[in-house]
Amino acid sequence: MEIMGKDKGYTTLIVCLAAILIVSCIVSLSIGAYNVPFAQTIRILFANIFNLEQTWTNTMYTVIINLRLPRVIAAVFIGGSLAMAGASYQGVFQNPLVSPDILGVSSGATVGAAIAILFSLGFYLIMAFAFFGGIIAVALCVIIPTITGKKSTLALVLSGIIVGGFLSSVLGLIIYLADPDTQLPSIVFWQMGSLSRVGYPALVVATPIIIICGVFIFLMRWRINALSLSDREAQSLGVNLSRERGLVIIFATILTAVSVSISGTIGWLGLTMPHFARLIVGDDNVKLLPLAGLIGAIFLVIVDLLARNLTTGEIPLGIITGFLGAPLFAILLIKQKTVG
């Protein structure tokens, strides 16, 4: 089902969503345990650029710039990255039910982070272990079909299921060995996703990687359209299937691994946001990928805002995305008439 015509209003839609994203970020920066007026939030953000006279307190500045701004930036990049990665996987694998978890990226990253927590390593080493855990999981998924001599897309997906299942058992063992008072809460909380410990140093490392991979996938969106066709049709268009499919998978995987290494596991986002975008503009990845990225960014900014404000504590992101994502996905499936 396609609500919007092929070209009608697409640019307007993107501009409106960009505006919604900006407003969502300002609201998220302003609202919390310590509320800051929206006007003051905007003045603080532009203070150094336009040399504005200080009308805010030092506490307001610290809350906005040092505490909330890093996690809002992270929510924008991670939400957009997971949504674009999900749309890319769905196009490449020709399956709308595929998500960024399909190659075991999230499972590998979770195991890597859990190992780092088990050895009481610091936050940035946890990030590093999570990233390489995700990459190793994907490498295993690629190696298995090579060893068996079955290099089809189905074999790759099945390898992801095998690796994901094995890593789940490894994670269970780590949880069993973890100290229940100090290590176990950190593993469980990280496993369910959070942006509470994101800071500028982590963003400095992760943001350039996310931008490079995101730009590559954006430029490849025409090719993803071709990869969404049958192998014979794609080859007739001059597409090198193995090379270009492999490149898209690699960059989408890096996007996912970097995102998960910062935030922990955030379920449903990479599956539902591409579907929501597809409901609006159809299956054309040229329009679908940018739209999915914007919707994913808005969604995670709002989810993080809810996580910080629904209770006196902070709810893990994965819990909220699960409560919102599962019903949303069911509704989208019904609307697209793909159920059954």
Protein backbone atom coordinates (compact mmCIF):
# COMPACT_ATOMS: atom_id res chain seq x y z
CA MET A 1 0.00 0.00 0.00
CA GLU A 2 1.41 3.39 -0.95
CA ILE A 3 -0.15 6.49 0.55
CA MET A 4 1.93 9.06 -1.30
CA GLY A 5 2.32 9.21 -5.07
CA LYS A 6 5.59 8.51 -6.81
CA ASP A 7 6.88 12.09 -6.71
CA LYS A 8 4.09 14.19 -5.22
CA GLY A 9 5.11 16.00 -2.08
CA TYR A 10 8.23 13.93 -1.33
CA THR A 11 10.49 16.95 -0.84
CA THR A 12 7.85 18.62 1.32
CA LEU A 13 7.58 15.45 3.38
CA ILE A 14 11.35 15.33 3.97
CA VAL A 15 11.43 19.01 4.96
CA CYS A 16 8.50 18.52 7.36
CA LEU A 17 10.13 15.47 8.95
CA ALA A 18 13.42 17.36 9.30
CA ALA A 19 11.52 20.13 11.08
CA ILE A 20 9.83 17.57 13.33
CA LEU A 21 13.23 16.08 14.13
CA ILE A 22 14.61 19.50 15.11
CA VAL A 23 11.59 20.24 17.30
CA SER A 24 11.83 16.78 18.90
CA CYS A 25 15.50 17.39 19.72
CA ILE A 26 14.74 20.78 21.32
CA VAL A 27 11.91 19.26 23.37
CA SER A 28 14.16 16.37 24.45
CA LEU A 29 16.90 18.80 25.45
CA SER A 30 14.48 20.93 27.45
CA ILE A 31 12.43 18.35 29.33
CA GLY A 32 13.77 16.19 32.13
CA ALA A 33 14.29 16.06 35.86
CA TYR A 34 15.52 19.65 35.48
CA ASN A 35 13.32 21.49 32.97
CA VAL A 36 14.73 24.30 30.85
CA PRO A 37 12.49 26.74 28.92
CA PHE A 38 12.51 26.09 25.18
CA ALA A 39 13.66 29.62 24.40
CA GLN A 40 16.62 29.26 26.75
CA THR A 41 17.52 25.91 25.23
CA ILE A 42 17.68 27.47 21.77
CA ARG A 43 19.74 30.41 23.05
CA ILE A 44 22.18 28.06 24.78
CA LEU A 45 22.63 26.01 21.59
CA PHE A 46 23.42 29.13 19.53
CA ALA A 47 25.27 31.05 22.23
CA ASN A 48 28.79 30.37 20.97
CA ILE A 49 27.87 30.77 17.29
CA PHE A 50 26.20 34.17 17.58
CA ASN A 51 27.89 35.39 20.77
CA LEU A 52 24.57 35.85 22.58
CA GLU A 53 24.25 37.59 25.90
CA GLN A 54 23.87 35.08 28.75
CA THR A 55 20.31 34.93 30.05
CA TRP A 56 20.53 31.40 31.43
CA THR A 57 22.05 29.93 34.56
CA ASN A 58 25.22 27.84 34.60
CA THR A 59 23.12 24.85 35.67
CA MET A 60 20.95 25.19 32.56
CA TYR A 61 24.03 25.32 30.37
CA THR A 62 25.56 22.25 32.02
CA VAL A 63 22.35 20.22 31.76
CA ILE A 64 21.82 21.09 28.07
CA ILE A 65 25.37 20.95 26.72
CA ASN A 66 27.09 18.38 28.91
CA LEU A 67 24.31 15.98 29.90
CA ARG A 68 21.52 15.97 27.32
CA LEU A 69 23.06 17.10 24.04
CA PRO A 70 25.42 14.07 23.66
CA ARG A 71 22.57 11.59 24.12
CA VAL A 72 20.24 13.50 21.79
CA ILE A 73 22.94 13.54 19.09
CA ALA A 74 23.50 9.83 19.69
CA ALA A 75 19.74 9.15 19.44
CA VAL A 76 19.59 10.94 16.07
CA PHE A 77 22.53 9.04 14.60
CA ILE A 78 21.67 5.65 16.08
CA GLY A 79 17.98 5.84 15.19
CA GLY A 80 18.78 6.88 11.63
CA SER A 81 21.53 4.28 11.30
CA LEU A 82 19.46 1.32 12.49
CA ALA A 83 16.54 2.32 10.27
CA MET A 84 18.76 2.74 7.18
CA ALA A 85 20.56 -0.52 7.93
CA GLY A 86 17.21 -2.29 8.27
CA ALA A 87 15.94 -0.89 4.97
CA SER A 88 19.21 -1.89 3.27
CA TYR A 89 19.05 -5.46 4.60
CA GLN A 90 15.41 -5.78 3.56
CA GLY A 91 16.27 -4.62 0.04
CA VAL A 92 19.38 -6.75 -0.37
CA PHE A 93 17.79 -9.91 1.07
CA GLN A 94 14.52 -9.24 -0.78
CA ASN A 95 12.66 -9.89 2.46
CA PRO A 96 10.67 -7.21 4.36
CA LEU A 97 10.94 -9.21 7.59
CA VAL A 98 14.73 -8.94 7.78
CA SER A 99 16.22 -6.69 10.46
CA PRO A 100 19.78 -5.56 11.38
CA ASP A 101 19.92 -8.48 13.80
CA ILE A 102 19.75 -11.03 10.97
CA LEU A 103 23.52 -11.52 10.73
CA GLY A 104 24.00 -11.71 14.48
CA VAL A 105 25.35 -8.17 14.80
CA SER A 106 23.36 -7.31 17.92
CA SER A 107 24.04 -10.70 19.51
CA GLY A 108 27.76 -10.41 18.84
CA ALA A 109 27.90 -6.87 20.18
CA THR A 110 26.00 -7.90 23.30
CA VAL A 111 28.37 -10.78 23.97
CA GLY A 112 31.39 -8.53 23.41
CA ALA A 113 30.06 -5.94 25.84
CA ALA A 114 29.16 -8.62 28.38
CA ILE A 115 32.70 -10.02 28.26
CA ALA A 116 34.11 -6.53 28.88
CA ILE A 117 31.73 -6.02 31.81
CA LEU A 118 32.63 -9.45 33.19
CA PHE A 119 36.28 -8.35 33.32
CA SER A 120 35.31 -4.97 34.84
CA LEU A 121 36.60 -2.93 31.91
CA GLY A 122 35.70 0.73 31.38
CA PHE A 123 32.92 2.13 29.20
CA TYR A 124 35.06 2.80 26.14
CA LEU A 125 36.55 -0.69 26.23
CA ILE A 126 33.01 -2.02 26.49
CA MET A 127 32.25 -0.04 23.31
CA ALA A 128 35.28 -1.52 21.58
CA PHE A 129 34.45 -5.08 22.63
CA ALA A 130 30.85 -4.60 21.50
CA PHE A 131 31.91 -3.29 18.08
CA PHE A 132 34.36 -6.09 17.40
CA GLY A 133 31.90 -8.64 18.77
CA GLY A 134 29.38 -7.53 16.16
CA ILE A 135 31.97 -7.64 13.37
CA ILE A 136 33.18 -11.11 14.40
CA ALA A 137 29.58 -12.38 14.40
CA VAL A 138 29.11 -11.19 10.83
CA ALA A 139 32.44 -12.70 9.80
CA LEU A 140 31.27 -16.06 11.14
CA CYS A 141 28.02 -15.70 9.20
CA VAL A 142 29.98 -15.16 6.01
CA ILE A 143 32.46 -17.98 6.68
CA ILE A 144 29.82 -20.68 7.25
CA PRO A 145 28.28 -20.51 3.73
CA THR A 146 31.79 -20.37 2.25
CA ILE A 147 32.77 -23.57 4.06
CA THR A 148 29.58 -25.36 3.06
CA GLY A 149 29.85 -24.15 -0.52
CA LYS A 150 26.34 -22.65 -0.42
CA LYS A 151 26.71 -18.93 -1.04
CA SER A 152 23.07 -18.05 -1.51
CA THR A 153 21.22 -15.32 0.38
CA LEU A 154 19.18 -17.97 2.19
CA ALA A 155 22.38 -19.68 3.39
CA LEU A 156 23.63 -16.35 4.75
CA VAL A 157 20.38 -15.75 6.63
CA LEU A 158 20.44 -19.28 8.07
CA SER A 159 24.05 -18.73 9.14
CA GLY A 160 22.90 -15.61 10.97
CA ILE A 161 20.29 -17.64 12.82
CA ILE A 162 22.92 -20.27 13.76
CA VAL A 163 25.45 -17.69 14.96
CA GLY A 164 22.76 -15.73 16.82
CA GLY A 165 21.57 -18.86 18.61
CA PHE A 166 25.10 -19.83 19.61
CA LEU A 167 25.88 -16.32 20.86
CA SER A 168 22.69 -16.33 22.93
CA SER A 169 24.02 -19.42 24.72
CA VAL A 170 27.38 -17.71 25.26
CA LEU A 171 25.59 -14.70 26.71
CA GLY A 172 23.60 -16.99 29.01
CA LEU A 173 26.87 -18.48 30.31
CA ILE A 174 28.34 -15.01 30.90
CA ILE A 175 25.22 -13.95 32.79
CA TYR A 176 25.49 -17.13 34.89
CA LEU A 177 29.13 -16.33 35.75
CA ALA A 178 28.60 -12.61 36.36
CA ASP A 179 28.52 -11.16 39.86
CA PRO A 180 24.80 -10.68 40.66
CA ASP A 181 25.42 -7.47 42.63
CA THR A 182 27.85 -5.54 40.42
CA GLN A 183 28.19 -7.05 36.94
CA LEU A 184 24.81 -8.62 36.21
CA PRO A 185 22.75 -5.39 36.42
CA SER A 186 25.17 -3.69 33.99
CA ILE A 187 24.97 -6.57 31.51
CA VAL A 188 21.17 -6.72 31.65
CA PHE A 189 20.76 -2.94 31.40
CA TRP A 190 23.22 -2.71 28.50
CA GLN A 191 21.50 -5.62 26.80
CA MET A 192 18.21 -3.70 26.85
CA GLY A 193 19.71 -0.47 25.52
CA SER A 194 20.48 2.92 27.05
CA LEU A 195 22.05 6.25 26.14
CA SER A 196 22.68 7.27 29.75
CA ARG A 197 26.47 6.93 29.52
CA VAL A 198 27.04 8.43 26.09
CA GLY A 199 29.52 11.31 26.08
CA TYR A 200 31.37 13.43 23.56
CA PRO A 201 34.46 11.15 23.41
CA ALA A 202 32.26 8.25 22.28
CA LEU A 203 30.56 10.47 19.70
CA VAL A 204 33.90 11.68 18.34
CA VAL A 205 34.87 8.07 17.63
CA ALA A 206 31.51 6.78 16.39
CA THR A 207 30.02 9.72 14.46
CA PRO A 208 32.56 9.83 11.59
CA ILE A 209 32.13 6.07 11.03
CA ILE A 210 28.34 6.39 11.03
CA ILE A 211 28.44 9.33 8.61
CA ILE A 212 30.80 7.57 6.18
CA CYS A 213 28.76 4.34 6.16
CA GLY A 214 25.47 6.25 5.99
CA VAL A 215 26.65 8.33 3.02
CA PHE A 216 27.83 5.18 1.22
CA ILE A 217 24.47 3.46 1.68
CA PHE A 218 22.69 6.65 0.61
CA LEU A 219 24.74 6.73 -2.59
CA MET A 220 24.07 3.02 -3.14
CA ARG A 221 20.29 3.35 -2.86
CA TRP A 222 19.90 3.13 -6.67
CA ARG A 223 21.87 -0.12 -6.64
CA ILE A 224 19.82 -1.51 -3.75
CA ASN A 225 16.78 -1.12 -6.01
CA ALA A 226 18.51 -3.36 -8.54
CA LEU A 227 19.58 -5.82 -5.84
CA SER A 228 15.93 -6.04 -4.77
CA LEU A 229 15.13 -7.63 -8.15
CA SER A 230 15.74 -11.25 -9.03
CA ASP A 231 19.38 -12.19 -9.65
CA ARG A 232 18.77 -12.56 -13.39
CA GLU A 233 17.12 -9.13 -13.68
CA ALA A 234 19.87 -7.48 -11.63
CA GLN A 235 22.60 -9.03 -13.76
CA SER A 236 20.84 -7.87 -16.92
CA LEU A 237 21.16 -4.30 -15.57
CA GLY A 238 24.92 -4.74 -15.22
CA VAL A 239 24.97 -5.19 -11.45
CA ASN A 240 27.83 -7.18 -9.97
CA LEU A 241 25.68 -9.07 -7.47
CA SER A 242 28.28 -10.53 -5.15
CA ARG A 243 30.40 -7.37 -4.96
CA GLU A 244 27.64 -4.80 -4.52
CA ARG A 245 25.50 -6.95 -2.26
CA GLY A 246 28.58 -7.62 -0.15
CA LEU A 247 29.44 -3.90 0.08
CA VAL A 248 25.93 -2.96 1.17
CA ILE A 249 25.91 -5.72 3.80
CA ILE A 250 29.34 -4.67 5.09
CA PHE A 251 28.44 -0.99 5.48
CA ALA A 252 25.00 -1.74 6.93
CA THR A 253 26.65 -4.12 9.38
CA ILE A 254 29.23 -1.52 10.44
CA LEU A 255 26.40 0.99 10.94
CA THR A 256 24.60 -1.48 13.17
CA ALA A 257 27.72 -2.56 15.08
CA VAL A 258 28.80 1.03 15.83
CA SER A 259 25.29 1.98 16.90
CA VAL A 260 24.88 -1.03 19.19
CA SER A 261 28.35 -0.46 20.65
CA ILE A 262 27.17 2.95 21.89
CA SER A 263 23.62 2.26 22.97
CA GLY A 264 23.33 -1.45 23.59
CA THR A 265 20.65 -3.54 21.91
CA ILE A 266 17.60 -1.61 20.71
CA GLY A 267 15.03 -3.97 19.26
CA TRP A 268 12.29 -3.38 16.67
CA LEU A 269 13.58 -0.05 15.37
CA GLY A 270 15.48 -1.48 12.41
CA LEU A 271 12.49 -3.66 11.49
CA THR A 272 9.52 -1.32 11.94
CA MET A 273 10.84 2.05 10.72
CA PRO A 274 11.58 0.84 7.15
CA HIS A 275 8.07 -0.63 7.03
CA PHE A 276 6.57 2.66 8.14
CA ALA A 277 8.54 4.51 5.45
CA ARG A 278 7.55 1.89 2.87
CA LEU A 279 3.90 2.45 3.70
CA ILE A 280 4.35 6.11 2.75
CA VAL A 281 6.58 6.00 -0.36
CA GLY A 282 6.51 2.38 -1.48
CA ASP A 283 9.46 0.10 -2.25
CA ASP A 284 11.65 2.61 -4.11
CA ASN A 285 14.87 2.64 -2.03
CA VAL A 286 15.88 5.98 -3.54
CA LYS A 287 13.10 7.55 -1.46
CA LEU A 288 12.76 4.86 1.17
CA LEU A 289 16.26 5.02 2.67
CA PRO A 290 16.36 8.78 3.47
CA LEU A 291 12.79 8.67 4.76
CA ALA A 292 13.46 5.64 6.96
CA GLY A 293 16.55 7.34 8.39
CA LEU A 294 14.60 10.46 9.33
CA ILE A 295 11.71 8.50 10.86
CA GLY A 296 14.14 6.30 12.80
CA ALA A 297 15.96 9.35 14.18
CA ILE A 298 12.70 10.99 15.29
CA PHE A 299 11.47 7.75 16.83
CA LEU A 300 14.58 7.17 18.95
CA VAL A 301 14.76 10.80 20.13
CA ILE A 302 11.16 10.48 21.36
CA VAL A 303 11.83 7.05 22.90
CA ASP A 304 14.86 8.41 24.77
CA LEU A 305 12.76 11.34 26.00
CA LEU A 306 10.15 8.89 27.32
CA ALA A 307 12.85 6.69 28.89
CA ARG A 308 14.10 9.62 30.95
CA ASN A 309 10.75 11.00 32.03
CA LEU A 310 8.14 8.24 32.41
CA THR A 311 9.43 7.22 35.85
CA THR A 312 11.78 8.56 38.49
CA GLY A 313 14.46 6.20 37.20
CA GLU A 314 15.44 5.54 33.59
CA ILE A 315 13.68 2.84 31.60
CA PRO A 316 15.88 0.87 29.16
CA LEU A 317 15.24 1.87 25.55
CA GLY A 318 14.60 -1.71 24.44
CA ILE A 319 11.59 -1.98 26.74
CA ILE A 320 9.91 1.10 25.26
CA THR A 321 10.76 0.18 21.65
CA GLY A 322 9.28 -3.24 22.32
CA PHE A 323 6.02 -1.82 23.71
CA LEU A 324 5.76 0.62 20.80
CA GLY A 325 7.36 -1.43 18.03
CA ALA A 326 5.44 -4.70 18.32
CA PRO A 327 1.92 -3.19 18.05
CA LEU A 328 3.12 -0.74 15.37
CA PHE A 329 4.59 -3.57 13.32
CA ALA A 330 1.35 -5.57 13.62
CA ILE A 331 -0.63 -2.56 12.39
CA LEU A 332 1.77 -2.00 9.50
CA LEU A 333 1.54 -5.66 8.46
CA ILE A 334 -2.23 -5.47 8.45
CA LYS A 335 -2.20 -2.26 6.39
CA GLN A 336 0.26 -3.74 3.88
CA LYS A 337 -1.85 -6.91 3.68
CA THR A 338 1.16 -9.12 4.29
CA VAL A 339 -0.21 -11.04 7.26
CA GLY A 340 -0.94 -14.65 6.49
